[in-house]
PDB file of all heavy atoms in Angstrom:
ATOM      1  N   GLY A   1    -102.665 -74.933 165.591  1.00  0.00           N
ATOM      2  CA  GLY A   1    -102.887 -74.353 166.912  1.00  0.00           C
ATOM      3  C   GLY A   1    -101.636 -73.769 167.461  1.00  0.00           C
ATOM      4  O   GLY A   1    -101.599 -73.234 168.690  1.00  0.00           O
ATOM      5  N   GLY A   2    -100.469 -73.858 166.753  1.00  0.00           N
ATOM      6  CA  GLY A   2     -99.231 -73.299 167.264  1.00  0.00           C
ATOM      7  C   GLY A   2     -98.870 -71.814 167.008  1.00  0.00           C
ATOM      8  O   GLY A   2     -98.042 -71.224 167.606  1.00  0.00           O
ATOM      9  N   SER A   3     -99.826 -71.265 166.226  1.00  0.00           N
ATOM     10  CA  SER A   3     -99.688 -69.894 165.891  1.00  0.00           C
ATOM     11  C   SER A   3    -101.052 -69.138 166.177  1.00  0.00           C
ATOM     12  O   SER A   3    -102.049 -69.588 165.690  1.00  0.00           O
ATOM     13  CB  SER A   3     -99.239 -69.482 164.511  1.00  0.00           C
ATOM     14  OG  SER A   3     -97.975 -70.052 164.287  1.00  0.00           O
ATOM     15  N   ALA A   4    -100.969 -67.899 166.830  1.00  0.00           N
ATOM     16  CA  ALA A   4    -102.083 -67.157 167.219  1.00  0.00           C
ATOM     17  C   ALA A   4    -101.899 -65.771 166.779  1.00  0.00           C
ATOM     18  O   ALA A   4    -100.741 -65.300 166.862  1.00  0.00           O
ATOM     19  CB  ALA A   4    -102.591 -67.369 168.584  1.00  0.00           C
ATOM     20  N   ASP A   5    -102.871 -65.007 166.395  1.00  0.00           N
ATOM     21  CA  ASP A   5    -102.784 -63.581 166.209  1.00  0.00           C
ATOM     22  C   ASP A   5    -103.997 -62.795 166.774  1.00  0.00           C
ATOM     23  O   ASP A   5    -105.112 -63.436 166.846  1.00  0.00           O
ATOM     24  CB  ASP A   5    -102.755 -63.368 164.521  1.00  0.00           C
ATOM     25  CG  ASP A   5    -102.446 -61.955 164.221  1.00  0.00           C
ATOM     26  OD1 ASP A   5    -101.749 -61.264 165.018  1.00  0.00           O
ATOM     27  OD2 ASP A   5    -102.645 -61.598 163.103  1.00  0.00           O
ATOM     28  N   TYR A   6    -103.785 -61.586 167.204  1.00  0.00           N
ATOM     29  CA  TYR A   6    -104.863 -60.860 167.871  1.00  0.00           C
ATOM     30  C   TYR A   6    -104.898 -59.479 167.322  1.00  0.00           C
ATOM     31  O   TYR A   6    -103.923 -58.898 166.928  1.00  0.00           O
ATOM     32  CB  TYR A   6    -104.621 -60.873 169.337  1.00  0.00           C
ATOM     33  CG  TYR A   6    -104.626 -62.206 170.021  1.00  0.00           C
ATOM     34  CD1 TYR A   6    -103.534 -62.966 170.156  1.00  0.00           C
ATOM     35  CD2 TYR A   6    -105.908 -62.681 170.495  1.00  0.00           C
ATOM     36  CE1 TYR A   6    -103.503 -64.220 170.773  1.00  0.00           C
ATOM     37  CE2 TYR A   6    -105.841 -64.039 171.007  1.00  0.00           C
ATOM     38  CZ  TYR A   6    -104.748 -64.781 171.254  1.00  0.00           C
ATOM     39  OH  TYR A   6    -104.794 -65.969 171.721  1.00  0.00           O
ATOM     40  N   ALA A   7    -106.110 -58.846 167.233  1.00  0.00           N
ATOM     41  CA  ALA A   7    -106.240 -57.472 167.058  1.00  0.00           C
ATOM     42  C   ALA A   7    -105.569 -56.743 168.191  1.00  0.00           C
ATOM     43  O   ALA A   7    -105.517 -57.167 169.291  1.00  0.00           O
ATOM     44  CB  ALA A   7    -107.679 -57.076 166.892  1.00  0.00           C
ATOM     45  N   ASP A   8    -104.935 -55.587 167.876  1.00  0.00           N
ATOM     46  CA  ASP A   8    -104.351 -54.727 168.984  1.00  0.00           C
ATOM     47  C   ASP A   8    -105.313 -54.423 170.053  1.00  0.00           C
ATOM     48  O   ASP A   8    -104.992 -54.406 171.301  1.00  0.00           O
ATOM     49  CB  ASP A   8    -103.784 -53.468 168.398  1.00  0.00           C
ATOM     50  CG  ASP A   8    -102.532 -53.699 167.561  1.00  0.00           C
ATOM     51  OD1 ASP A   8    -101.940 -54.761 167.565  1.00  0.00           O
ATOM     52  OD2 ASP A   8    -102.244 -52.805 166.744  1.00  0.00           O
ATOM     53  N   SER A   9    -106.507 -54.275 169.789  1.00  0.00           N
ATOM     54  CA  SER A   9    -107.611 -53.891 170.621  1.00  0.00           C
ATOM     55  C   SER A   9    -107.987 -54.877 171.656  1.00  0.00           C
ATOM     56  O   SER A   9    -108.477 -54.538 172.828  1.00  0.00           O
ATOM     57  CB  SER A   9    -108.939 -53.343 170.007  1.00  0.00           C
ATOM     58  OG  SER A   9    -109.352 -54.411 169.244  1.00  0.00           O
ATOM     59  N   VAL A  10    -107.557 -56.069 171.429  1.00  0.00           N
ATOM     60  CA  VAL A  10    -107.840 -57.233 172.407  1.00  0.00           C
ATOM     61  C   VAL A  10    -106.636 -58.036 173.013  1.00  0.00           C
ATOM     62  O   VAL A  10    -106.834 -58.851 173.758  1.00  0.00           O
ATOM     63  CB  VAL A  10    -108.808 -58.322 171.696  1.00  0.00           C
ATOM     64  CG1 VAL A  10    -110.004 -57.554 171.080  1.00  0.00           C
ATOM     65  CG2 VAL A  10    -108.048 -59.156 170.657  1.00  0.00           C
ATOM     66  N   LYS A  11    -105.395 -57.531 172.498  1.00  0.00           N
ATOM     67  CA  LYS A  11    -104.232 -58.206 172.975  1.00  0.00           C
ATOM     68  C   LYS A  11    -104.049 -58.133 174.493  1.00  0.00           C
ATOM     69  O   LYS A  11    -104.311 -56.974 174.927  1.00  0.00           O
ATOM     70  CB  LYS A  11    -102.980 -57.573 172.252  1.00  0.00           C
ATOM     71  CG  LYS A  11    -102.744 -58.162 170.865  1.00  0.00           C
ATOM     72  CD  LYS A  11    -101.500 -57.578 170.245  1.00  0.00           C
ATOM     73  CE  LYS A  11    -101.388 -58.094 168.829  1.00  0.00           C
ATOM     74  NZ  LYS A  11    -100.118 -57.431 168.115  1.00  0.00           N
ATOM     75  N   GLY A  12    -103.671 -59.205 175.122  1.00  0.00           N
ATOM     76  CA  GLY A  12    -103.501 -59.288 176.548  1.00  0.00           C
ATOM     77  C   GLY A  12    -104.926 -59.477 177.298  1.00  0.00           C
ATOM     78  O   GLY A  12    -104.757 -59.702 178.448  1.00  0.00           O
ATOM     79  N   ARG A  13    -105.980 -59.431 176.619  1.00  0.00           N
ATOM     80  CA  ARG A  13    -107.217 -59.616 177.205  1.00  0.00           C
ATOM     81  C   ARG A  13    -107.944 -60.827 176.608  1.00  0.00           C
ATOM     82  O   ARG A  13    -108.673 -61.461 177.548  1.00  0.00           O
ATOM     83  CB  ARG A  13    -108.204 -58.376 176.958  1.00  0.00           C
ATOM     84  CG  ARG A  13    -107.587 -57.064 177.592  1.00  0.00           C
ATOM     85  CD  ARG A  13    -108.647 -55.965 177.514  1.00  0.00           C
ATOM     86  NE  ARG A  13    -109.041 -55.704 176.197  1.00  0.00           N
ATOM     87  CZ  ARG A  13    -110.316 -55.744 175.610  1.00  0.00           C
ATOM     88  NH1 ARG A  13    -111.265 -56.049 176.571  1.00  0.00           N
ATOM     89  NH2 ARG A  13    -110.624 -55.330 174.454  1.00  0.00           N
ATOM     90  N   PHE A  14    -107.795 -61.088 175.393  1.00  0.00           N
ATOM     91  CA  PHE A  14    -108.520 -62.263 174.732  1.00  0.00           C
ATOM     92  C   PHE A  14    -107.528 -63.457 174.533  1.00  0.00           C
ATOM     93  O   PHE A  14    -106.275 -63.133 174.238  1.00  0.00           O
ATOM     94  CB  PHE A  14    -109.173 -61.864 173.573  1.00  0.00           C
ATOM     95  CG  PHE A  14    -110.349 -60.971 173.566  1.00  0.00           C
ATOM     96  CD1 PHE A  14    -110.626 -60.285 174.788  1.00  0.00           C
ATOM     97  CD2 PHE A  14    -111.259 -60.694 172.465  1.00  0.00           C
ATOM     98  CE1 PHE A  14    -111.805 -59.546 175.010  1.00  0.00           C
ATOM     99  CE2 PHE A  14    -112.372 -59.876 172.597  1.00  0.00           C
ATOM    100  CZ  PHE A  14    -112.628 -59.300 173.850  1.00  0.00           C
ATOM    101  N   ASN A  15    -107.992 -64.685 174.533  1.00  0.00           N
ATOM    102  CA  ASN A  15    -107.090 -65.804 174.132  1.00  0.00           C
ATOM    103  C   ASN A  15    -107.976 -66.798 173.289  1.00  0.00           C
ATOM    104  O   ASN A  15    -109.103 -67.179 173.636  1.00  0.00           O
ATOM    105  CB  ASN A  15    -106.733 -66.530 175.369  1.00  0.00           C
ATOM    106  CG  ASN A  15    -105.717 -67.656 175.073  1.00  0.00           C
ATOM    107  OD1 ASN A  15    -104.580 -67.411 174.651  1.00  0.00           O
ATOM    108  ND2 ASN A  15    -106.269 -68.797 175.300  1.00  0.00           N
ATOM    109  N   ILE A  16    -107.352 -67.140 172.208  1.00  0.00           N
ATOM    110  CA  ILE A  16    -108.072 -68.001 171.306  1.00  0.00           C
ATOM    111  C   ILE A  16    -107.383 -69.436 171.408  1.00  0.00           C
ATOM    112  O   ILE A  16    -106.152 -69.502 171.562  1.00  0.00           O
ATOM    113  CB  ILE A  16    -108.008 -67.629 169.834  1.00  0.00           C
ATOM    114  CG1 ILE A  16    -108.738 -68.492 168.952  1.00  0.00           C
ATOM    115  CG2 ILE A  16    -106.616 -67.418 169.403  1.00  0.00           C
ATOM    116  CD1 ILE A  16    -108.915 -68.080 167.528  1.00  0.00           C
ATOM    117  N   SER A  17    -108.116 -70.497 171.431  1.00  0.00           N
ATOM    118  CA  SER A  17    -107.649 -71.881 171.589  1.00  0.00           C
ATOM    119  C   SER A  17    -108.534 -72.800 170.882  1.00  0.00           C
ATOM    120  O   SER A  17    -109.695 -72.368 170.390  1.00  0.00           O
ATOM    121  CB  SER A  17    -107.582 -72.226 173.099  1.00  0.00           C
ATOM    122  OG  SER A  17    -108.762 -72.307 173.663  1.00  0.00           O
ATOM    123  N   ARG A  18    -108.064 -73.993 170.672  1.00  0.00           N
ATOM    124  CA  ARG A  18    -108.973 -75.044 170.000  1.00  0.00           C
ATOM    125  C   ARG A  18    -108.669 -76.348 170.717  1.00  0.00           C
ATOM    126  O   ARG A  18    -107.651 -76.652 171.241  1.00  0.00           O
ATOM    127  CB  ARG A  18    -108.484 -75.095 168.583  1.00  0.00           C
ATOM    128  CG  ARG A  18    -107.142 -75.751 168.249  1.00  0.00           C
ATOM    129  CD  ARG A  18    -106.678 -75.498 166.796  1.00  0.00           C
ATOM    130  NE  ARG A  18    -107.706 -76.144 165.974  1.00  0.00           N
ATOM    131  CZ  ARG A  18    -107.776 -75.955 164.581  1.00  0.00           C
ATOM    132  NH1 ARG A  18    -107.121 -74.895 164.001  1.00  0.00           N
ATOM    133  NH2 ARG A  18    -108.609 -76.619 163.839  1.00  0.00           N
ATOM    134  N   ASP A  19    -109.768 -77.161 170.634  1.00  0.00           N
ATOM    135  CA  ASP A  19    -109.813 -78.560 171.091  1.00  0.00           C
ATOM    136  C   ASP A  19    -110.171 -79.463 169.872  1.00  0.00           C
ATOM    137  O   ASP A  19    -111.360 -79.463 169.661  1.00  0.00           O
ATOM    138  CB  ASP A  19    -110.690 -78.721 172.252  1.00  0.00           C
ATOM    139  CG  ASP A  19    -110.601 -80.114 172.781  1.00  0.00           C
ATOM    140  OD1 ASP A  19    -110.130 -81.026 172.175  1.00  0.00           O
ATOM    141  OD2 ASP A  19    -111.126 -80.229 174.006  1.00  0.00           O
ATOM    142  N   ASN A  20    -109.184 -80.088 169.118  1.00  0.00           N
ATOM    143  CA  ASN A  20    -109.555 -80.917 167.949  1.00  0.00           C
ATOM    144  C   ASN A  20    -110.385 -81.981 168.278  1.00  0.00           C
ATOM    145  O   ASN A  20    -111.287 -82.422 167.553  1.00  0.00           O
ATOM    146  CB  ASN A  20    -108.352 -81.167 167.318  1.00  0.00           C
ATOM    147  CG  ASN A  20    -107.579 -79.971 166.617  1.00  0.00           C
ATOM    148  OD1 ASN A  20    -108.274 -78.919 166.333  1.00  0.00           O
ATOM    149  ND2 ASN A  20    -106.366 -80.079 166.336  1.00  0.00           N
ATOM    150  N   ALA A  21    -110.152 -82.585 169.495  1.00  0.00           N
ATOM    151  CA  ALA A  21    -111.059 -83.801 169.836  1.00  0.00           C
ATOM    152  C   ALA A  21    -112.455 -83.380 169.870  1.00  0.00           C
ATOM    153  O   ALA A  21    -113.403 -84.301 169.691  1.00  0.00           O
ATOM    154  CB  ALA A  21    -110.458 -84.229 171.230  1.00  0.00           C
ATOM    155  N   LYS A  22    -112.720 -82.136 170.349  1.00  0.00           N
ATOM    156  CA  LYS A  22    -114.092 -81.681 170.526  1.00  0.00           C
ATOM    157  C   LYS A  22    -114.553 -80.905 169.289  1.00  0.00           C
ATOM    158  O   LYS A  22    -115.756 -80.359 169.198  1.00  0.00           O
ATOM    159  CB  LYS A  22    -114.296 -80.852 171.764  1.00  0.00           C
ATOM    160  CG  LYS A  22    -114.124 -81.684 173.021  1.00  0.00           C
ATOM    161  CD  LYS A  22    -114.309 -80.801 174.277  1.00  0.00           C
ATOM    162  CE  LYS A  22    -114.137 -81.570 175.527  1.00  0.00           C
ATOM    163  NZ  LYS A  22    -114.374 -80.740 176.754  1.00  0.00           N
ATOM    164  N   ALA A  23    -113.659 -80.733 168.344  1.00  0.00           N
ATOM    165  CA  ALA A  23    -114.003 -79.986 167.114  1.00  0.00           C
ATOM    166  C   ALA A  23    -114.542 -78.601 167.541  1.00  0.00           C
ATOM    167  O   ALA A  23    -115.658 -78.089 166.940  1.00  0.00           O
ATOM    168  CB  ALA A  23    -114.928 -80.652 166.201  1.00  0.00           C
ATOM    169  N   THR A  24    -113.890 -77.888 168.489  1.00  0.00           N
ATOM    170  CA  THR A  24    -114.403 -76.652 169.004  1.00  0.00           C
ATOM    171  C   THR A  24    -113.222 -75.670 169.112  1.00  0.00           C
ATOM    172  O   THR A  24    -112.073 -75.971 169.472  1.00  0.00           O
ATOM    173  CB  THR A  24    -114.916 -76.838 170.309  1.00  0.00           C
ATOM    174  OG1 THR A  24    -116.155 -77.811 170.268  1.00  0.00           O
ATOM    175  CG2 THR A  24    -115.527 -75.517 170.959  1.00  0.00           C
ATOM    176  N   VAL A  25    -113.479 -74.405 168.772  1.00  0.00           N
ATOM    177  CA  VAL A  25    -112.551 -73.303 169.056  1.00  0.00           C
ATOM    178  C   VAL A  25    -113.216 -72.335 170.076  1.00  0.00           C
ATOM    179  O   VAL A  25    -114.338 -72.271 170.024  1.00  0.00           O
ATOM    180  CB  VAL A  25    -112.171 -72.569 167.596  1.00  0.00           C
ATOM    181  CG1 VAL A  25    -113.366 -71.920 167.110  1.00  0.00           C
ATOM    182  CG2 VAL A  25    -111.043 -71.516 167.975  1.00  0.00           C
ATOM    183  N   TYR A  26    -112.363 -71.841 170.857  1.00  0.00           N
ATOM    184  CA  TYR A  26    -112.805 -70.960 171.969  1.00  0.00           C
ATOM    185  C   TYR A  26    -112.275 -69.603 171.927  1.00  0.00           C
ATOM    186  O   TYR A  26    -111.099 -69.375 171.378  1.00  0.00           O
ATOM    187  CB  TYR A  26    -112.449 -71.642 173.256  1.00  0.00           C
ATOM    188  CG  TYR A  26    -112.912 -73.010 173.599  1.00  0.00           C
ATOM    189  CD1 TYR A  26    -111.941 -74.042 173.376  1.00  0.00           C
ATOM    190  CD2 TYR A  26    -114.010 -73.337 173.942  1.00  0.00           C
ATOM    191  CE1 TYR A  26    -112.481 -75.344 173.531  1.00  0.00           C
ATOM    192  CE2 TYR A  26    -114.608 -74.492 174.185  1.00  0.00           C
ATOM    193  CZ  TYR A  26    -113.696 -75.565 173.977  1.00  0.00           C
ATOM    194  OH  TYR A  26    -114.162 -76.833 174.184  1.00  0.00           O
ATOM    195  N   LEU A  27    -112.962 -68.689 172.396  1.00  0.00           N
ATOM    196  CA  LEU A  27    -112.405 -67.348 172.576  1.00  0.00           C
ATOM    197  C   LEU A  27    -112.727 -66.953 174.104  1.00  0.00           C
ATOM    198  O   LEU A  27    -113.811 -66.729 174.452  1.00  0.00           O
ATOM    199  CB  LEU A  27    -112.997 -66.308 171.612  1.00  0.00           C
ATOM    200  CG  LEU A  27    -112.520 -64.928 171.748  1.00  0.00           C
ATOM    201  CD1 LEU A  27    -111.026 -64.998 171.234  1.00  0.00           C
ATOM    202  CD2 LEU A  27    -113.351 -63.880 170.904  1.00  0.00           C
ATOM    203  N   GLN A  28    -111.568 -66.887 174.882  1.00  0.00           N
ATOM    204  CA  GLN A  28    -111.698 -66.519 176.268  1.00  0.00           C
ATOM    205  C   GLN A  28    -111.470 -64.843 176.244  1.00  0.00           C
ATOM    206  O   GLN A  28    -110.531 -64.499 175.785  1.00  0.00           O
ATOM    207  CB  GLN A  28    -110.692 -67.188 177.135  1.00  0.00           C
ATOM    208  CG  GLN A  28    -110.621 -66.692 178.494  1.00  0.00           C
ATOM    209  CD  GLN A  28    -111.951 -67.084 179.219  1.00  0.00           C
ATOM    210  OE1 GLN A  28    -112.294 -68.204 179.217  1.00  0.00           O
ATOM    211  NE2 GLN A  28    -112.481 -66.112 180.105  1.00  0.00           N
ATOM    212  N   MET A  29    -112.532 -64.311 176.839  1.00  0.00           N
ATOM    213  CA  MET A  29    -112.595 -62.825 176.771  1.00  0.00           C
ATOM    214  C   MET A  29    -112.490 -62.278 178.275  1.00  0.00           C
ATOM    215  O   MET A  29    -113.453 -62.624 178.955  1.00  0.00           O
ATOM    216  CB  MET A  29    -113.764 -62.341 176.015  1.00  0.00           C
ATOM    217  CG  MET A  29    -113.855 -62.744 174.525  1.00  0.00           C
ATOM    218  SD  MET A  29    -115.154 -62.011 173.659  1.00  0.00           S
ATOM    219  CE  MET A  29    -116.659 -62.635 174.612  1.00  0.00           C
ATOM    220  N   ASN A  30    -111.441 -61.670 178.671  1.00  0.00           N
ATOM    221  CA  ASN A  30    -111.226 -61.110 179.976  1.00  0.00           C
ATOM    222  C   ASN A  30    -111.268 -59.617 179.954  1.00  0.00           C
ATOM    223  O   ASN A  30    -110.994 -58.954 178.893  1.00  0.00           O
ATOM    224  CB  ASN A  30    -110.049 -61.645 180.649  1.00  0.00           C
ATOM    225  CG  ASN A  30    -110.100 -63.119 180.820  1.00  0.00           C
ATOM    226  OD1 ASN A  30    -111.056 -63.729 181.001  1.00  0.00           O
ATOM    227  ND2 ASN A  30    -108.911 -63.744 180.544  1.00  0.00           N
ATOM    228  N   SER A  31    -111.410 -58.936 181.048  1.00  0.00           N
ATOM    229  CA  SER A  31    -111.441 -57.577 181.190  1.00  0.00           C
ATOM    230  C   SER A  31    -112.193 -56.783 180.152  1.00  0.00           C
ATOM    231  O   SER A  31    -111.764 -55.885 179.389  1.00  0.00           O
ATOM    232  CB  SER A  31    -109.984 -57.017 181.210  1.00  0.00           C
ATOM    233  OG  SER A  31    -109.114 -57.589 182.184  1.00  0.00           O
ATOM    234  N   LEU A  32    -113.501 -57.270 179.913  1.00  0.00           N
ATOM    235  CA  LEU A  32    -114.263 -56.745 178.847  1.00  0.00           C
ATOM    236  C   LEU A  32    -114.474 -55.204 179.112  1.00  0.00           C
ATOM    237  O   LEU A  32    -114.696 -54.859 180.163  1.00  0.00           O
ATOM    238  CB  LEU A  32    -115.495 -57.513 178.758  1.00  0.00           C
ATOM    239  CG  LEU A  32    -115.346 -58.937 178.149  1.00  0.00           C
ATOM    240  CD1 LEU A  32    -116.508 -59.977 178.523  1.00  0.00           C
ATOM    241  CD2 LEU A  32    -115.143 -58.773 176.566  1.00  0.00           C
ATOM    242  N   LYS A  33    -114.645 -54.607 177.877  1.00  0.00           N
ATOM    243  CA  LYS A  33    -114.989 -53.229 177.929  1.00  0.00           C
ATOM    244  C   LYS A  33    -116.322 -52.979 177.085  1.00  0.00           C
ATOM    245  O   LYS A  33    -116.705 -53.737 176.266  1.00  0.00           O
ATOM    246  CB  LYS A  33    -113.833 -52.438 177.288  1.00  0.00           C
ATOM    247  CG  LYS A  33    -112.522 -52.679 177.839  1.00  0.00           C
ATOM    248  CD  LYS A  33    -111.498 -52.017 176.947  1.00  0.00           C
ATOM    249  CE  LYS A  33    -110.054 -52.199 177.522  1.00  0.00           C
ATOM    250  NZ  LYS A  33    -108.885 -51.589 176.803  1.00  0.00           N
ATOM    251  N   PRO A  34    -116.998 -51.875 177.310  1.00  0.00           N
ATOM    252  CA  PRO A  34    -118.158 -51.582 176.448  1.00  0.00           C
ATOM    253  C   PRO A  34    -117.925 -51.617 175.004  1.00  0.00           C
ATOM    254  O   PRO A  34    -118.763 -52.035 174.229  1.00  0.00           O
ATOM    255  CB  PRO A  34    -118.602 -50.152 177.042  1.00  0.00           C
ATOM    256  CG  PRO A  34    -118.086 -50.191 178.429  1.00  0.00           C
ATOM    257  CD  PRO A  34    -116.722 -50.918 178.435  1.00  0.00           C
ATOM    258  N   GLU A  35    -116.714 -51.197 174.510  1.00  0.00           N
ATOM    259  CA  GLU A  35    -116.431 -51.214 173.102  1.00  0.00           C
ATOM    260  C   GLU A  35    -116.212 -52.589 172.567  1.00  0.00           C
ATOM    261  O   GLU A  35    -116.060 -52.710 171.304  1.00  0.00           O
ATOM    262  CB  GLU A  35    -115.159 -50.371 172.896  1.00  0.00           C
ATOM    263  CG  GLU A  35    -114.029 -50.618 173.676  1.00  0.00           C
ATOM    264  CD  GLU A  35    -113.857 -49.646 174.857  1.00  0.00           C
ATOM    265  OE1 GLU A  35    -114.909 -49.436 175.547  1.00  0.00           O
ATOM    266  OE2 GLU A  35    -112.793 -49.272 175.190  1.00  0.00           O
ATOM    267  N   ASP A  36    -116.296 -53.627 173.422  1.00  0.00           N
ATOM    268  CA  ASP A  36    -116.242 -55.043 172.965  1.00  0.00           C
ATOM    269  C   ASP A  36    -117.577 -55.547 172.532  1.00  0.00           C
ATOM    270  O   ASP A  36    -117.695 -56.603 171.930  1.00  0.00           O
ATOM    271  CB  ASP A  36    -115.640 -55.889 173.996  1.00  0.00           C
ATOM    272  CG  ASP A  36    -114.175 -55.563 174.351  1.00  0.00           C
ATOM    273  OD1 ASP A  36    -113.438 -55.457 173.384  1.00  0.00           O
ATOM    274  OD2 ASP A  36    -113.797 -55.740 175.525  1.00  0.00           O
ATOM    275  N   THR A  37    -118.652 -54.655 172.829  1.00  0.00           N
ATOM    276  CA  THR A  37    -119.987 -55.020 172.472  1.00  0.00           C
ATOM    277  C   THR A  37    -120.234 -55.293 170.855  1.00  0.00           C
ATOM    278  O   THR A  37    -119.802 -54.281 170.231  1.00  0.00           O
ATOM    279  CB  THR A  37    -120.958 -53.981 172.924  1.00  0.00           C
ATOM    280  OG1 THR A  37    -120.942 -53.949 174.385  1.00  0.00           O
ATOM    281  CG2 THR A  37    -122.384 -54.243 172.396  1.00  0.00           C
ATOM    282  N   ALA A  38    -120.609 -56.380 170.592  1.00  0.00           N
ATOM    283  CA  ALA A  38    -120.781 -56.726 169.138  1.00  0.00           C
ATOM    284  C   ALA A  38    -121.432 -58.083 169.025  1.00  0.00           C
ATOM    285  O   ALA A  38    -121.480 -58.822 169.950  1.00  0.00           O
ATOM    286  CB  ALA A  38    -119.428 -56.656 168.375  1.00  0.00           C
ATOM    287  N   VAL A  39    -121.695 -58.439 167.684  1.00  0.00           N
ATOM    288  CA  VAL A  39    -121.959 -59.881 167.440  1.00  0.00           C
ATOM    289  C   VAL A  39    -120.577 -60.524 166.987  1.00  0.00           C
ATOM    290  O   VAL A  39    -119.887 -60.049 166.199  1.00  0.00           O
ATOM    291  CB  VAL A  39    -122.985 -59.886 166.238  1.00  0.00           C
ATOM    292  CG1 VAL A  39    -123.158 -61.479 165.750  1.00  0.00           C
ATOM    293  CG2 VAL A  39    -124.281 -59.304 166.723  1.00  0.00           C
ATOM    294  N   TYR A  40    -120.255 -61.484 167.637  1.00  0.00           N
ATOM    295  CA  TYR A  40    -119.050 -62.254 167.353  1.00  0.00           C
ATOM    296  C   TYR A  40    -119.340 -63.432 166.410  1.00  0.00           C
ATOM    297  O   TYR A  40    -120.206 -64.232 166.769  1.00  0.00           O
ATOM    298  CB  TYR A  40    -118.395 -62.709 168.772  1.00  0.00           C
ATOM    299  CG  TYR A  40    -117.759 -61.583 169.448  1.00  0.00           C
ATOM    300  CD1 TYR A  40    -118.553 -60.568 170.097  1.00  0.00           C
ATOM    301  CD2 TYR A  40    -116.387 -61.433 169.611  1.00  0.00           C
ATOM    302  CE1 TYR A  40    -117.918 -59.462 170.683  1.00  0.00           C
ATOM    303  CE2 TYR A  40    -115.797 -60.448 170.297  1.00  0.00           C
ATOM    304  CZ  TYR A  40    -116.617 -59.435 170.896  1.00  0.00           C
ATOM    305  OH  TYR A  40    -116.033 -58.394 171.417  1.00  0.00           O
TER     306      TYR A  40
END
């Protein structure tokens, strides 16, 4: 969880994180654009 990498198109807008106790990874997506439309 100490290193993260992002596509240039989402840098500064998206944030990836994890909660090992909940066995879950998150993707916080802010300032969404129409070009972000996709299946994730």
